Amino acid sequence: MALAHQSHTELNPIQISLLKLFNRPMSEQEAYNLKKYLADYYNKQLEEELSRVVNKKGYTQKDFDSMLLDD
C-alpha cells in the first residue's frame, strides 16, 4: 500500500459514513479506544509496507546500520 498525500477538501464516501456512524455522544474512553484502534490499524499497514520494501530491496541490519552512520 503506497501512501500518498494529496490536498483536497471533499469528503470521500467512507469519511461521510464514519461521520454518520459516530454522530452520537461518546465518552472520553470510547473516543480514546477508537483513536487507538485506528492508530493500531494504520501502524500495522505501515509495518506491512515497510516489510515489503525491505524484502524487495533486500536490506539487512548491516544496511540500516550503515544508513544511520552516513551523513
N, C-alpha and C. Protein backbone atom coordinates (compact mmCIF):
# COMPACT_ATOMS: atom_id res chain seq x y z
N MET A 1 0.85 -1.17 0.00
CA MET A 1 0.00 0.00 0.00
C MET A 1 0.89 1.24 0.00
N ALA A 2 0.89 1.97 -1.05
CA ALA A 2 1.66 3.20 -1.12
C ALA A 2 0.83 4.32 -0.51
N LEU A 3 1.49 5.12 0.28
CA LEU A 3 0.80 6.24 0.92
C LEU A 3 1.10 7.51 0.14
N ALA A 4 0.08 8.23 -0.22
CA ALA A 4 0.24 9.49 -0.94
C ALA A 4 -0.54 10.57 -0.21
N HIS A 5 0.06 11.73 -0.15
CA HIS A 5 -0.61 12.85 0.50
C HIS A 5 -1.07 13.82 -0.58
N GLN A 6 -2.37 13.97 -0.70
CA GLN A 6 -2.93 14.90 -1.66
C GLN A 6 -3.84 15.85 -0.90
N SER A 7 -3.78 17.10 -1.27
CA SER A 7 -4.63 18.09 -0.65
C SER A 7 -5.98 18.09 -1.33
N HIS A 8 -7.04 17.95 -0.54
CA HIS A 8 -8.38 18.00 -1.08
C HIS A 8 -9.32 18.47 0.02
N THR A 9 -10.49 18.88 -0.39
CA THR A 9 -11.44 19.40 0.60
C THR A 9 -12.71 18.58 0.68
N GLU A 10 -12.97 17.72 -0.29
CA GLU A 10 -14.19 16.92 -0.28
C GLU A 10 -13.99 15.65 0.55
N LEU A 11 -15.05 15.27 1.24
CA LEU A 11 -15.01 14.02 1.99
C LEU A 11 -15.34 12.87 1.06
N ASN A 12 -14.64 11.75 1.24
CA ASN A 12 -14.95 10.58 0.43
C ASN A 12 -16.09 9.80 1.09
N PRO A 13 -16.67 8.84 0.41
CA PRO A 13 -17.82 8.11 0.96
C PRO A 13 -17.54 7.44 2.32
N ILE A 14 -16.35 6.93 2.51
CA ILE A 14 -16.01 6.30 3.79
C ILE A 14 -16.02 7.34 4.90
N GLN A 15 -15.44 8.50 4.65
CA GLN A 15 -15.41 9.55 5.66
C GLN A 15 -16.82 9.99 6.04
N ILE A 16 -17.67 10.14 5.06
CA ILE A 16 -19.06 10.53 5.32
C ILE A 16 -19.76 9.46 6.15
N SER A 17 -19.55 8.22 5.78
CA SER A 17 -20.15 7.10 6.51
C SER A 17 -19.68 7.07 7.96
N LEU A 18 -18.39 7.31 8.17
CA LEU A 18 -17.86 7.32 9.54
C LEU A 18 -18.43 8.49 10.35
N LEU A 19 -18.56 9.64 9.72
CA LEU A 19 -19.16 10.79 10.42
C LEU A 19 -20.58 10.47 10.86
N LYS A 20 -21.34 9.83 9.99
CA LYS A 20 -22.72 9.46 10.34
C LYS A 20 -22.73 8.42 11.46
N LEU A 21 -21.83 7.45 11.36
CA LEU A 21 -21.77 6.38 12.35
C LEU A 21 -21.44 6.90 13.75
N PHE A 22 -20.55 7.87 13.82
CA PHE A 22 -20.11 8.37 15.11
C PHE A 22 -20.76 9.70 15.50
N ASN A 23 -21.86 10.04 14.87
CA ASN A 23 -22.60 11.24 15.21
C ASN A 23 -23.52 10.94 16.40
N ARG A 24 -22.88 10.74 17.55
CA ARG A 24 -23.60 10.42 18.78
C ARG A 24 -22.70 10.77 19.95
N PRO A 25 -23.29 10.91 21.14
CA PRO A 25 -22.43 11.17 22.30
C PRO A 25 -21.44 10.02 22.50
N MET A 26 -20.23 10.39 22.92
CA MET A 26 -19.19 9.39 23.11
C MET A 26 -18.36 9.79 24.33
N SER A 27 -18.10 8.83 25.20
CA SER A 27 -17.28 9.11 26.38
C SER A 27 -15.82 9.30 25.95
N GLU A 28 -15.04 9.89 26.85
CA GLU A 28 -13.62 10.06 26.56
C GLU A 28 -12.96 8.71 26.35
N GLN A 29 -13.36 7.71 27.11
CA GLN A 29 -12.78 6.37 26.98
C GLN A 29 -13.12 5.76 25.61
N GLU A 30 -14.38 5.93 25.18
CA GLU A 30 -14.76 5.42 23.86
C GLU A 30 -13.96 6.11 22.76
N ALA A 31 -13.81 7.42 22.87
CA ALA A 31 -13.05 8.17 21.87
C ALA A 31 -11.60 7.72 21.86
N TYR A 32 -11.03 7.53 23.05
CA TYR A 32 -9.65 7.05 23.16
C TYR A 32 -9.50 5.68 22.51
N ASN A 33 -10.43 4.76 22.82
CA ASN A 33 -10.36 3.40 22.27
C ASN A 33 -10.47 3.42 20.75
N LEU A 34 -11.34 4.26 20.22
CA LEU A 34 -11.50 4.36 18.78
C LEU A 34 -10.22 4.91 18.13
N LYS A 35 -9.66 5.96 18.71
CA LYS A 35 -8.42 6.53 18.17
C LYS A 35 -7.29 5.51 18.22
N LYS A 36 -7.21 4.76 19.32
CA LYS A 36 -6.17 3.74 19.46
C LYS A 36 -6.35 2.64 18.42
N TYR A 37 -7.59 2.23 18.21
CA TYR A 37 -7.87 1.20 17.21
C TYR A 37 -7.43 1.66 15.83
N LEU A 38 -7.77 2.89 15.47
CA LEU A 38 -7.38 3.41 14.15
C LEU A 38 -5.86 3.57 14.04
N ALA A 39 -5.22 4.04 15.10
CA ALA A 39 -3.76 4.18 15.09
C ALA A 39 -3.10 2.81 14.94
N ASP A 40 -3.61 1.81 15.66
CA ASP A 40 -3.06 0.46 15.56
C ASP A 40 -3.24 -0.10 14.15
N TYR A 41 -4.41 0.15 13.56
CA TYR A 41 -4.68 -0.32 12.19
C TYR A 41 -3.67 0.28 11.21
N TYR A 42 -3.49 1.60 11.26
CA TYR A 42 -2.58 2.24 10.33
C TYR A 42 -1.12 1.89 10.62
N ASN A 43 -0.80 1.66 11.88
CA ASN A 43 0.55 1.21 12.23
C ASN A 43 0.83 -0.16 11.60
N LYS A 44 -0.15 -1.05 11.65
CA LYS A 44 0.00 -2.38 11.04
C LYS A 44 0.19 -2.26 9.53
N GLN A 45 -0.59 -1.38 8.89
CA GLN A 45 -0.46 -1.16 7.45
C GLN A 45 0.94 -0.65 7.11
N LEU A 46 1.45 0.27 7.91
CA LEU A 46 2.78 0.83 7.69
C LEU A 46 3.86 -0.23 7.86
N GLU A 47 3.73 -1.05 8.90
CA GLU A 47 4.71 -2.12 9.13
C GLU A 47 4.72 -3.12 7.98
N GLU A 48 3.54 -3.44 7.45
CA GLU A 48 3.46 -4.37 6.32
C GLU A 48 4.12 -3.78 5.08
N GLU A 49 3.88 -2.50 4.83
CA GLU A 49 4.50 -1.83 3.68
C GLU A 49 6.01 -1.78 3.85
N LEU A 50 6.47 -1.47 5.05
CA LEU A 50 7.90 -1.43 5.31
C LEU A 50 8.53 -2.80 5.09
N SER A 51 7.87 -3.85 5.55
CA SER A 51 8.39 -5.21 5.35
C SER A 51 8.49 -5.54 3.86
N ARG A 52 7.48 -5.15 3.08
CA ARG A 52 7.52 -5.41 1.64
C ARG A 52 8.70 -4.70 0.98
N VAL A 53 8.92 -3.44 1.36
CA VAL A 53 10.02 -2.68 0.77
C VAL A 53 11.36 -3.27 1.18
N VAL A 54 11.51 -3.60 2.45
CA VAL A 54 12.76 -4.17 2.94
C VAL A 54 13.06 -5.48 2.22
N ASN A 55 12.05 -6.33 2.08
CA ASN A 55 12.24 -7.61 1.39
C ASN A 55 12.55 -7.41 -0.09
N LYS A 56 11.85 -6.48 -0.73
CA LYS A 56 12.06 -6.21 -2.15
C LYS A 56 13.46 -5.69 -2.40
N LYS A 57 13.92 -4.79 -1.54
CA LYS A 57 15.25 -4.19 -1.70
C LYS A 57 16.35 -5.09 -1.15
N GLY A 58 15.97 -6.06 -0.33
CA GLY A 58 16.97 -6.97 0.24
C GLY A 58 17.82 -6.33 1.33
N TYR A 59 17.28 -5.33 2.01
CA TYR A 59 18.03 -4.66 3.08
C TYR A 59 18.30 -5.61 4.24
N THR A 60 19.45 -5.45 4.85
CA THR A 60 19.82 -6.21 6.05
C THR A 60 20.04 -5.23 7.20
N GLN A 61 20.22 -5.75 8.40
CA GLN A 61 20.52 -4.88 9.54
C GLN A 61 21.80 -4.10 9.29
N LYS A 62 22.77 -4.73 8.64
CA LYS A 62 24.02 -4.05 8.32
C LYS A 62 23.75 -2.83 7.42
N ASP A 63 22.84 -2.97 6.46
CA ASP A 63 22.47 -1.84 5.59
C ASP A 63 21.87 -0.69 6.40
N PHE A 64 20.96 -1.02 7.33
CA PHE A 64 20.34 0.03 8.14
C PHE A 64 21.36 0.70 9.06
N ASP A 65 22.27 -0.09 9.62
CA ASP A 65 23.32 0.49 10.47
C ASP A 65 24.18 1.45 9.65
N SER A 66 24.49 1.05 8.45
CA SER A 66 25.31 1.89 7.55
C SER A 66 24.57 3.18 7.21
N MET A 67 23.28 3.08 6.95
CA MET A 67 22.48 4.28 6.63
C MET A 67 22.47 5.26 7.80
N LEU A 68 22.43 4.74 9.02
CA LEU A 68 22.42 5.61 10.19
C LEU A 68 23.73 6.34 10.37
N LEU A 69 24.82 5.72 9.97
CA LEU A 69 26.15 6.31 10.15
C LEU A 69 26.53 7.25 9.03
N ASP A 70 25.89 7.14 7.87
CA ASP A 70 26.20 8.01 6.72
C ASP A 70 25.61 9.39 6.95
N ASP A 71 26.43 10.38 6.83
CA ASP A 71 25.98 11.78 6.91
C ASP A 71 26.54 12.59 5.79
